[in-house]
Amino acid sequence: MEKSGPVKTDQGFYLIDAGFPKLLIQKDVTAEIKGTGDKGVWEVNKLANEIKQIEGVLSVGLFAGLNGNESLASGAKIGGARPVVAYFGMADGTVQVRSAS
């Protein structure tokens, strides 16, 4: 089914899918690279906080850093990893699964 119009939640809120250059994590920030948006370079938490300051924004979900498989392989015990698969509910009631690979 083709997408027609903006994507909204069941409650009528808009979902915005915006691409950014590679987001930094806190350990990537240096004196030279501040991650505050200069030349489009953001540290992920700073970007999320800036977006939340926009009037009307209810929530921010940024997928950055390791994906779920990379996180498990590294032994990291962190939450908020990028998804490995996405599930799409179809109009006929079926579910399509698309993987990151």
PDB file of N, CA and C in Angstrom:
ATOM      1  N   MET A   1       0.837  -1.167   0.000  1.00  0.00           N
ATOM      2  CA  MET A   1       0.000   0.000   0.000  1.00  0.00           C
ATOM      3  C   MET A   1       0.888   1.237   0.000  1.00  0.00           C
ATOM      4  N   GLU A   2       0.643   2.180  -0.866  1.00  0.00           N
ATOM      5  CA  GLU A   2       1.452   3.393  -0.912  1.00  0.00           C
ATOM      6  C   GLU A   2       1.131   4.294   0.262  1.00  0.00           C
ATOM      7  N   LYS A   3       2.160   4.972   0.727  1.00  0.00           N
ATOM      8  CA  LYS A   3       1.968   5.955   1.782  1.00  0.00           C
ATOM      9  C   LYS A   3       1.259   7.160   1.175  1.00  0.00           C
ATOM     10  N   SER A   4       0.223   7.615   1.829  1.00  0.00           N
ATOM     11  CA  SER A   4      -0.467   8.804   1.332  1.00  0.00           C
ATOM     12  C   SER A   4      -0.605   9.783   2.483  1.00  0.00           C
ATOM     13  N   GLY A   5       0.065  10.896   2.374  1.00  0.00           N
ATOM     14  CA  GLY A   5      -0.005  11.915   3.407  1.00  0.00           C
ATOM     15  C   GLY A   5       0.957  11.655   4.539  1.00  0.00           C
ATOM     16  N   PRO A   6       0.914  12.517   5.552  1.00  0.00           N
ATOM     17  CA  PRO A   6       1.829  12.380   6.685  1.00  0.00           C
ATOM     18  C   PRO A   6       1.512  11.149   7.527  1.00  0.00           C
ATOM     19  N   VAL A   7       2.533  10.640   8.202  1.00  0.00           N
ATOM     20  CA  VAL A   7       2.360   9.482   9.071  1.00  0.00           C
ATOM     21  C   VAL A   7       1.946   9.983  10.449  1.00  0.00           C
ATOM     22  N   LYS A   8       0.878   9.368  10.989  1.00  0.00           N
ATOM     23  CA  LYS A   8       0.361   9.774  12.294  1.00  0.00           C
ATOM     24  C   LYS A   8       0.217   8.551  13.200  1.00  0.00           C
ATOM     25  N   THR A   9       0.265   8.819  14.499  1.00  0.00           N
ATOM     26  CA  THR A   9       0.009   7.762  15.471  1.00  0.00           C
ATOM     27  C   THR A   9      -1.494   7.528  15.549  1.00  0.00           C
ATOM     28  N   ASP A  10      -1.893   6.501  16.305  1.00  0.00           N
ATOM     29  CA  ASP A  10      -3.319   6.237  16.507  1.00  0.00           C
ATOM     30  C   ASP A  10      -4.014   7.413  17.190  1.00  0.00           C
ATOM     31  N   GLN A  11      -3.258   8.203  17.946  1.00  0.00           N
ATOM     32  CA  GLN A  11      -3.822   9.357  18.646  1.00  0.00           C
ATOM     33  C   GLN A  11      -3.826  10.617  17.780  1.00  0.00           C
ATOM     34  N   GLY A  12      -3.322  10.533  16.549  1.00  0.00           N
ATOM     35  CA  GLY A  12      -3.337  11.664  15.642  1.00  0.00           C
ATOM     36  C   GLY A  12      -2.099  12.537  15.681  1.00  0.00           C
ATOM     37  N   PHE A  13      -1.033  12.084  16.378  1.00  0.00           N
ATOM     38  CA  PHE A  13       0.205  12.852  16.418  1.00  0.00           C
ATOM     39  C   PHE A  13       1.055  12.507  15.193  1.00  0.00           C
ATOM     40  N   TYR A  14       1.770  13.486  14.675  1.00  0.00           N
ATOM     41  CA  TYR A  14       2.614  13.268  13.507  1.00  0.00           C
ATOM     42  C   TYR A  14       3.920  12.589  13.901  1.00  0.00           C
ATOM     43  N   LEU A  15       4.379  11.695  13.041  1.00  0.00           N
ATOM     44  CA  LEU A  15       5.688  11.078  13.183  1.00  0.00           C
ATOM     45  C   LEU A  15       6.577  11.658  12.095  1.00  0.00           C
ATOM     46  N   ILE A  16       7.748  12.105  12.487  1.00  0.00           N
ATOM     47  CA  ILE A  16       8.669  12.705  11.529  1.00  0.00           C
ATOM     48  C   ILE A  16       9.935  11.865  11.477  1.00  0.00           C
ATOM     49  N   ASP A  17      10.292  11.431  10.289  1.00  0.00           N
ATOM     50  CA  ASP A  17      11.502  10.657  10.076  1.00  0.00           C
ATOM     51  C   ASP A  17      12.513  11.596   9.436  1.00  0.00           C
ATOM     52  N   ALA A  18      13.501  11.991  10.209  1.00  0.00           N
ATOM     53  CA  ALA A  18      14.484  12.966   9.727  1.00  0.00           C
ATOM     54  C   ALA A  18      15.875  12.354   9.764  1.00  0.00           C
ATOM     55  N   GLY A  19      16.564  12.469   8.667  1.00  0.00           N
ATOM     56  CA  GLY A  19      17.931  11.959   8.605  1.00  0.00           C
ATOM     57  C   GLY A  19      18.928  13.008   9.067  1.00  0.00           C
ATOM     58  N   PHE A  20      19.945  12.597   9.760  1.00  0.00           N
ATOM     59  CA  PHE A  20      21.020  13.474  10.223  1.00  0.00           C
ATOM     60  C   PHE A  20      22.345  12.828   9.846  1.00  0.00           C
ATOM     61  N   PRO A  21      23.399  13.654   9.743  1.00  0.00           N
ATOM     62  CA  PRO A  21      24.723  13.030   9.608  1.00  0.00           C
ATOM     63  C   PRO A  21      24.963  12.142  10.831  1.00  0.00           C
ATOM     64  N   LYS A  22      25.983  11.333  10.791  1.00  0.00           N
ATOM     65  CA  LYS A  22      26.249  10.418  11.901  1.00  0.00           C
ATOM     66  C   LYS A  22      26.208  11.165  13.231  1.00  0.00           C
ATOM     67  N   LEU A  23      25.378  10.668  14.150  1.00  0.00           N
ATOM     68  CA  LEU A  23      25.268  11.283  15.472  1.00  0.00           C
ATOM     69  C   LEU A  23      26.403  10.796  16.354  1.00  0.00           C
ATOM     70  N   LEU A  24      26.889  11.695  17.179  1.00  0.00           N
ATOM     71  CA  LEU A  24      27.975  11.356  18.097  1.00  0.00           C
ATOM     72  C   LEU A  24      27.400  10.849  19.403  1.00  0.00           C
ATOM     73  N   ILE A  25      28.166  10.052  20.105  1.00  0.00           N
ATOM     74  CA  ILE A  25      27.833   9.736  21.487  1.00  0.00           C
ATOM     75  C   ILE A  25      28.770  10.558  22.364  1.00  0.00           C
ATOM     76  N   GLN A  26      28.481  10.631  23.648  1.00  0.00           N
ATOM     77  CA  GLN A  26      29.206  11.527  24.543  1.00  0.00           C
ATOM     78  C   GLN A  26      30.723  11.331  24.466  1.00  0.00           C
ATOM     79  N   LYS A  27      31.189  10.096  24.342  1.00  0.00           N
ATOM     80  CA  LYS A  27      32.644   9.868  24.328  1.00  0.00           C
ATOM     81  C   LYS A  27      33.315  10.393  23.058  1.00  0.00           C
ATOM     82  N   ASP A  28      32.517  10.694  22.011  1.00  0.00           N
ATOM     83  CA  ASP A  28      33.060  11.248  20.767  1.00  0.00           C
ATOM     84  C   ASP A  28      33.288  12.749  20.845  1.00  0.00           C
ATOM     85  N   VAL A  29      32.703  13.408  21.830  1.00  0.00           N
ATOM     86  CA  VAL A  29      32.773  14.864  21.942  1.00  0.00           C
ATOM     87  C   VAL A  29      34.164  15.267  22.440  1.00  0.00           C
ATOM     88  N   THR A  30      34.770  16.242  21.759  1.00  0.00           N
ATOM     89  CA  THR A  30      36.092  16.741  22.143  1.00  0.00           C
ATOM     90  C   THR A  30      36.052  18.257  22.185  1.00  0.00           C
ATOM     91  N   ALA A  31      37.176  18.868  22.499  1.00  0.00           N
ATOM     92  CA  ALA A  31      37.253  20.332  22.502  1.00  0.00           C
ATOM     93  C   ALA A  31      37.001  20.877  21.099  1.00  0.00           C
ATOM     94  N   GLU A  32      37.433  20.144  20.076  1.00  0.00           N
ATOM     95  CA  GLU A  32      37.248  20.599  18.699  1.00  0.00           C
ATOM     96  C   GLU A  32      35.872  20.218  18.146  1.00  0.00           C
ATOM     97  N   ILE A  33      35.362  19.079  18.567  1.00  0.00           N
ATOM     98  CA  ILE A  33      34.060  18.599  18.097  1.00  0.00           C
ATOM     99  C   ILE A  33      33.108  18.600  19.283  1.00  0.00           C
ATOM    100  N   LYS A  34      32.282  19.638  19.355  1.00  0.00           N
ATOM    101  CA  LYS A  34      31.426  19.816  20.515  1.00  0.00           C
ATOM    102  C   LYS A  34      30.086  19.092  20.400  1.00  0.00           C
ATOM    103  N   GLY A  35      29.666  18.779  19.200  1.00  0.00           N
ATOM    104  CA  GLY A  35      28.401  18.073  19.031  1.00  0.00           C
ATOM    105  C   GLY A  35      27.190  18.927  19.336  1.00  0.00           C
ATOM    106  N   THR A  36      27.310  20.237  19.132  1.00  0.00           N
ATOM    107  CA  THR A  36      26.201  21.150  19.438  1.00  0.00           C
ATOM    108  C   THR A  36      25.500  21.648  18.187  1.00  0.00           C
ATOM    109  N   GLY A  37      25.656  20.953  17.089  1.00  0.00           N
ATOM    110  CA  GLY A  37      24.967  21.313  15.858  1.00  0.00           C
ATOM    111  C   GLY A  37      25.805  22.087  14.862  1.00  0.00           C
ATOM    112  N   ASP A  38      27.025  22.462  15.241  1.00  0.00           N
ATOM    113  CA  ASP A  38      27.897  23.182  14.319  1.00  0.00           C
ATOM    114  C   ASP A  38      28.157  22.317  13.092  1.00  0.00           C
ATOM    115  N   LYS A  39      27.843  22.837  11.916  1.00  0.00           N
ATOM    116  CA  LYS A  39      28.000  22.122  10.642  1.00  0.00           C
ATOM    117  C   LYS A  39      27.196  20.820  10.626  1.00  0.00           C
ATOM    118  N   GLY A  40      26.100  20.794  11.368  1.00  0.00           N
ATOM    119  CA  GLY A  40      25.216  19.628  11.374  1.00  0.00           C
ATOM    120  C   GLY A  40      25.680  18.474  12.233  1.00  0.00           C
ATOM    121  N   VAL A  41      26.737  18.650  13.014  1.00  0.00           N
ATOM    122  CA  VAL A  41      27.268  17.574  13.851  1.00  0.00           C
ATOM    123  C   VAL A  41      26.662  17.687  15.249  1.00  0.00           C
ATOM    124  N   TRP A  42      25.951  16.643  15.656  1.00  0.00           N
ATOM    125  CA  TRP A  42      25.271  16.638  16.954  1.00  0.00           C
ATOM    126  C   TRP A  42      25.697  15.461  17.815  1.00  0.00           C
ATOM    127  N   GLU A  43      25.764  15.680  19.098  1.00  0.00           N
ATOM    128  CA  GLU A  43      25.828  14.603  20.084  1.00  0.00           C
ATOM    129  C   GLU A  43      24.381  14.216  20.321  1.00  0.00           C
ATOM    130  N   VAL A  44      24.082  12.943  20.317  1.00  0.00           N
ATOM    131  CA  VAL A  44      22.709  12.454  20.285  1.00  0.00           C
ATOM    132  C   VAL A  44      21.841  13.012  21.415  1.00  0.00           C
ATOM    133  N   ASN A  45      22.336  13.084  22.635  1.00  0.00           N
ATOM    134  CA  ASN A  45      21.523  13.584  23.746  1.00  0.00           C
ATOM    135  C   ASN A  45      21.264  15.083  23.622  1.00  0.00           C
ATOM    136  N   LYS A  46      22.247  15.834  23.129  1.00  0.00           N
ATOM    137  CA  LYS A  46      22.050  17.269  22.927  1.00  0.00           C
ATOM    138  C   LYS A  46      21.003  17.513  21.845  1.00  0.00           C
ATOM    139  N   LEU A  47      21.050  16.722  20.773  1.00  0.00           N
ATOM    140  CA  LEU A  47      20.061  16.865  19.712  1.00  0.00           C
ATOM    141  C   LEU A  47      18.663  16.561  20.242  1.00  0.00           C
ATOM    142  N   ALA A  48      18.525  15.482  20.998  1.00  0.00           N
ATOM    143  CA  ALA A  48      17.218  15.126  21.563  1.00  0.00           C
ATOM    144  C   ALA A  48      16.690  16.250  22.440  1.00  0.00           C
ATOM    145  N   ASN A  49      17.560  16.828  23.271  1.00  0.00           N
ATOM    146  CA  ASN A  49      17.127  17.922  24.142  1.00  0.00           C
ATOM    147  C   ASN A  49      16.706  19.148  23.344  1.00  0.00           C
ATOM    148  N   GLU A  50      17.425  19.460  22.275  1.00  0.00           N
ATOM    149  CA  GLU A  50      17.064  20.607  21.437  1.00  0.00           C
ATOM    150  C   GLU A  50      15.708  20.387  20.761  1.00  0.00           C
ATOM    151  N   ILE A  51      15.480  19.171  20.271  1.00  0.00           N
ATOM    152  CA  ILE A  51      14.205  18.877  19.616  1.00  0.00           C
ATOM    153  C   ILE A  51      13.065  18.980  20.621  1.00  0.00           C
ATOM    154  N   LYS A  52      13.287  18.492  21.848  1.00  0.00           N
ATOM    155  CA  LYS A  52      12.243  18.547  22.878  1.00  0.00           C
ATOM    156  C   LYS A  52      11.860  19.976  23.241  1.00  0.00           C
ATOM    157  N   GLN A  53      12.752  20.928  22.992  1.00  0.00           N
ATOM    158  CA  GLN A  53      12.467  22.330  23.309  1.00  0.00           C
ATOM    159  C   GLN A  53      11.535  22.984  22.284  1.00  0.00           C
ATOM    160  N   ILE A  54      11.303  22.318  21.165  1.00  0.00           N
ATOM    161  CA  ILE A  54      10.419  22.865  20.130  1.00  0.00           C
ATOM    162  C   ILE A  54       8.976  22.735  20.616  1.00  0.00           C
ATOM    163  N   GLU A  55       8.270  23.831  20.601  1.00  0.00           N
ATOM    164  CA  GLU A  55       6.886  23.825  21.070  1.00  0.00           C
ATOM    165  C   GLU A  55       6.055  22.839  20.255  1.00  0.00           C
ATOM    166  N   GLY A  56       5.311  21.994  20.948  1.00  0.00           N
ATOM    167  CA  GLY A  56       4.459  21.004  20.289  1.00  0.00           C
ATOM    168  C   GLY A  56       5.071  19.627  20.187  1.00  0.00           C
ATOM    169  N   VAL A  57       6.377  19.511  20.417  1.00  0.00           N
ATOM    170  CA  VAL A  57       7.024  18.197  20.366  1.00  0.00           C
ATOM    171  C   VAL A  57       6.708  17.454  21.659  1.00  0.00           C
ATOM    172  N   LEU A  58       6.123  16.266  21.533  1.00  0.00           N
ATOM    173  CA  LEU A  58       5.744  15.492  22.712  1.00  0.00           C
ATOM    174  C   LEU A  58       6.836  14.532  23.148  1.00  0.00           C
ATOM    175  N   SER A  59       7.515  13.952  22.178  1.00  0.00           N
ATOM    176  CA  SER A  59       8.517  12.945  22.508  1.00  0.00           C
ATOM    177  C   SER A  59       9.532  12.866  21.388  1.00  0.00           C
ATOM    178  N   VAL A  60      10.703  12.367  21.727  1.00  0.00           N
ATOM    179  CA  VAL A  60      11.772  12.197  20.748  1.00  0.00           C
ATOM    180  C   VAL A  60      12.325  10.791  20.911  1.00  0.00           C
ATOM    181  N   GLY A  61      12.437  10.087  19.806  1.00  0.00           N
ATOM    182  CA  GLY A  61      13.065   8.775  19.811  1.00  0.00           C
ATOM    183  C   GLY A  61      14.145   8.751  18.754  1.00  0.00           C
ATOM    184  N   LEU A  62      15.392   8.781  19.182  1.00  0.00           N
ATOM    185  CA  LEU A  62      16.508   8.760  18.236  1.00  0.00           C
ATOM    186  C   LEU A  62      17.186   7.399  18.318  1.00  0.00           C
ATOM    187  N   PHE A  63      17.386   6.787  17.184  1.00  0.00           N
ATOM    188  CA  PHE A  63      18.089   5.516  17.129  1.00  0.00           C
ATOM    189  C   PHE A  63      19.504   5.802  16.678  1.00  0.00           C
ATOM    190  N   ALA A  64      20.447   5.720  17.595  1.00  0.00           N
ATOM    191  CA  ALA A  64      21.840   6.026  17.296  1.00  0.00           C
ATOM    192  C   ALA A  64      22.734   5.077  18.075  1.00  0.00           C
ATOM    193  N   GLY A  65      23.950   4.943  17.614  1.00  0.00           N
ATOM    194  CA  GLY A  65      24.900   4.087  18.318  1.00  0.00           C
ATOM    195  C   GLY A  65      24.824   2.654  17.821  1.00  0.00           C
ATOM    196  N   LEU A  66      25.154   1.717  18.686  1.00  0.00           N
ATOM    197  CA  LEU A  66      25.170   0.302  18.317  1.00  0.00           C
ATOM    198  C   LEU A  66      23.760  -0.182  18.024  1.00  0.00           C
ATOM    199  N   ASN A  67      23.644  -1.138  17.080  1.00  0.00           N
ATOM    200  CA  ASN A  67      22.347  -1.782  16.938  1.00  0.00           C
ATOM    201  C   ASN A  67      22.298  -2.929  17.936  1.00  0.00           C
ATOM    202  N   GLY A  68      21.158  -3.574  18.049  1.00  0.00           N
ATOM    203  CA  GLY A  68      20.989  -4.635  19.043  1.00  0.00           C
ATOM    204  C   GLY A  68      22.010  -5.753  18.928  1.00  0.00           C
ATOM    205  N   ASN A  69      22.287  -6.215  17.707  1.00  0.00           N
ATOM    206  CA  ASN A  69      23.269  -7.296  17.505  1.00  0.00           C
ATOM    207  C   ASN A  69      24.671  -6.842  17.890  1.00  0.00           C
ATOM    208  N   GLU A  70      25.061  -5.630  17.493  1.00  0.00           N
ATOM    209  CA  GLU A  70      26.389  -5.099  17.826  1.00  0.00           C
ATOM    210  C   GLU A  70      26.544  -4.955  19.341  1.00  0.00           C
ATOM    211  N   SER A  71      25.477  -4.518  19.986  1.00  0.00           N
ATOM    212  CA  SER A  71      25.501  -4.346  21.431  1.00  0.00           C
ATOM    213  C   SER A  71      25.734  -5.680  22.135  1.00  0.00           C
ATOM    214  N   LEU A  72      25.012  -6.712  21.703  1.00  0.00           N
ATOM    215  CA  LEU A  72      25.189  -8.044  22.299  1.00  0.00           C
ATOM    216  C   LEU A  72      26.588  -8.587  22.043  1.00  0.00           C
ATOM    217  N   ALA A  73      27.098  -8.420  20.825  1.00  0.00           N
ATOM    218  CA  ALA A  73      28.421  -8.937  20.466  1.00  0.00           C
ATOM    219  C   ALA A  73      29.524  -8.255  21.261  1.00  0.00           C
ATOM    220  N   SER A  74      29.341  -6.971  21.590  1.00  0.00           N
ATOM    221  CA  SER A  74      30.373  -6.245  22.322  1.00  0.00           C
ATOM    222  C   SER A  74      30.320  -6.522  23.817  1.00  0.00           C
ATOM    223  N   GLY A  75      29.249  -7.177  24.263  1.00  0.00           N
ATOM    224  CA  GLY A  75      29.095  -7.442  25.689  1.00  0.00           C
ATOM    225  C   GLY A  75      28.547  -6.246  26.442  1.00  0.00           C
ATOM    226  N   ALA A  76      28.222  -5.185  25.727  1.00  0.00           N
ATOM    227  CA  ALA A  76      27.693  -3.980  26.375  1.00  0.00           C
ATOM    228  C   ALA A  76      26.315  -4.273  26.956  1.00  0.00           C
ATOM    229  N   LYS A  77      26.065  -3.726  28.105  1.00  0.00           N
ATOM    230  CA  LYS A  77      24.757  -3.884  28.735  1.00  0.00           C
ATOM    231  C   LYS A  77      24.083  -2.516  28.761  1.00  0.00           C
ATOM    232  N   ILE A  78      23.738  -2.054  27.559  1.00  0.00           N
ATOM    233  CA  ILE A  78      23.116  -0.737  27.445  1.00  0.00           C
ATOM    234  C   ILE A  78      21.751  -0.859  26.796  1.00  0.00           C
ATOM    235  N   GLY A  79      20.889   0.068  27.094  1.00  0.00           N
ATOM    236  CA  GLY A  79      19.580   0.109  26.461  1.00  0.00           C
ATOM    237  C   GLY A  79      19.588   1.119  25.341  1.00  0.00           C
ATOM    238  N   GLY A  80      18.503   1.197  24.619  1.00  0.00           N
ATOM    239  CA  GLY A  80      18.353   2.207  23.588  1.00  0.00           C
ATOM    240  C   GLY A  80      19.156   1.962  22.328  1.00  0.00           C
ATOM    241  N   ALA A  81      19.542   0.716  22.090  1.00  0.00           N
ATOM    242  CA  ALA A  81      20.297   0.419  20.873  1.00  0.00           C
ATOM    243  C   ALA A  81      19.398   0.562  19.661  1.00  0.00           C
ATOM    244  N   ARG A  82      20.022   0.818  18.502  1.00  0.00           N
ATOM    245  CA  ARG A  82      19.253   0.898  17.254  1.00  0.00           C
ATOM    246  C   ARG A  82      18.575  -0.440  17.010  1.00  0.00           C
ATOM    247  N   PRO A  83      17.400  -0.400  16.425  1.00  0.00           N
ATOM    248  CA  PRO A  83      16.688  -1.654  16.159  1.00  0.00           C
ATOM    249  C   PRO A  83      17.376  -2.480  15.073  1.00  0.00           C
ATOM    250  N   VAL A  84      17.174  -3.781  15.140  1.00  0.00           N
ATOM    251  CA  VAL A  84      17.720  -4.707  14.157  1.00  0.00           C
ATOM    252  C   VAL A  84      16.647  -5.056  13.129  1.00  0.00           C
ATOM    253  N   VAL A  85      15.403  -5.063  13.549  1.00  0.00           N
ATOM    254  CA  VAL A  85      14.289  -5.327  12.646  1.00  0.00           C
ATOM    255  C   VAL A  85      13.189  -4.304  12.888  1.00  0.00           C
ATOM    256  N   ALA A  86      12.374  -4.110  11.884  1.00  0.00           N
ATOM    257  CA  ALA A  86      11.196  -3.248  12.019  1.00  0.00           C
ATOM    258  C   ALA A  86       9.983  -4.050  11.572  1.00  0.00           C
ATOM    259  N   TYR A  87       8.880  -3.880  12.270  1.00  0.00           N
ATOM    260  CA  TYR A  87       7.651  -4.591  11.971  1.00  0.00           C
ATOM    261  C   TYR A  87       6.636  -3.606  11.393  1.00  0.00           C
ATOM    262  N   PHE A  88       6.033  -3.968  10.267  1.00  0.00           N
ATOM    263  CA  PHE A  88       5.070  -3.107   9.605  1.00  0.00           C
ATOM    264  C   PHE A  88       3.722  -3.815   9.562  1.00  0.00           C
ATOM    265  N   GLY A  89       2.724  -3.243  10.226  1.00  0.00           N
ATOM    266  CA  GLY A  89       1.366  -3.779  10.170  1.00  0.00           C
ATOM    267  C   GLY A  89       0.727  -3.377   8.857  1.00  0.00           C
ATOM    268  N   MET A  90       0.219  -4.349   8.122  1.00  0.00           N
ATOM    269  CA  MET A  90      -0.368  -4.095   6.813  1.00  0.00           C
ATOM    270  C   MET A  90      -1.887  -3.991   6.933  1.00  0.00           C
ATOM    271  N   ALA A  91      -2.502  -3.353   5.944  1.00  0.00           N
ATOM    272  CA  ALA A  91      -3.948  -3.126   5.953  1.00  0.00           C
ATOM    273  C   ALA A  91      -4.737  -4.434   6.026  1.00  0.00           C
ATOM    274  N   ASP A  92      -4.172  -5.529   5.491  1.00  0.00           N
ATOM    275  CA  ASP A  92      -4.889  -6.813   5.499  1.00  0.00           C
ATOM    276  C   ASP A  92      -4.694  -7.596   6.797  1.00  0.00           C
ATOM    277  N   GLY A  93      -3.996  -6.989   7.778  1.00  0.00           N
ATOM    278  CA  GLY A  93      -3.804  -7.649   9.066  1.00  0.00           C
ATOM    279  C   GLY A  93      -2.509  -8.432   9.191  1.00  0.00           C
ATOM    280  N   THR A  94      -1.777  -8.591   8.107  1.00  0.00           N
ATOM    281  CA  THR A  94      -0.496  -9.291   8.168  1.00  0.00           C
ATOM    282  C   THR A  94       0.584  -8.345   8.665  1.00  0.00           C
ATOM    283  N   VAL A  95       1.723  -8.906   8.996  1.00  0.00           N
ATOM    284  CA  VAL A  95       2.860  -8.121   9.468  1.00  0.00           C
ATOM    285  C   VAL A  95       4.054  -8.426   8.588  1.00  0.00           C
ATOM    286  N   GLN A  96       4.678  -7.370   8.062  1.00  0.00           N
ATOM    287  CA  GLN A  96       5.916  -7.543   7.294  1.00  0.00           C
ATOM    288  C   GLN A  96       7.079  -7.203   8.212  1.00  0.00           C
ATOM    289  N   VAL A  97       8.143  -7.999   8.127  1.00  0.00           N
ATOM    290  CA  VAL A  97       9.343  -7.788   8.927  1.00  0.00           C
ATOM    291  C   VAL A  97      10.489  -7.428   7.997  1.00  0.00           C
ATOM    292  N   ARG A  98      11.181  -6.336   8.306  1.00  0.00           N
ATOM    293  CA  ARG A  98      12.364  -5.954   7.531  1.00  0.00           C
ATOM    294  C   ARG A  98      13.543  -5.866   8.482  1.00  0.00           C
ATOM    295  N   SER A  99      14.663  -6.478   8.071  1.00  0.00           N
ATOM    296  CA  SER A  99      15.830  -6.489   8.943  1.00  0.00           C
ATOM    297  C   SER A  99      16.825  -5.415   8.541  1.00  0.00           C
ATOM    298  N   ALA A 100      17.694  -5.057   9.487  1.00  0.00           N
ATOM    299  CA  ALA A 100      18.711  -4.039   9.248  1.00  0.00           C
ATOM    300  C   ALA A 100      19.731  -4.503   8.227  1.00  0.00           C
ATOM    301  N   SER A 101      19.923  -5.792   8.088  1.00  0.00           N
ATOM    302  CA  SER A 101      20.917  -6.286   7.131  1.00  0.00           C
ATOM    303  C   SER A 101      20.274  -6.423   5.784  1.00  0.00           C
TER     304      SER A 101
END
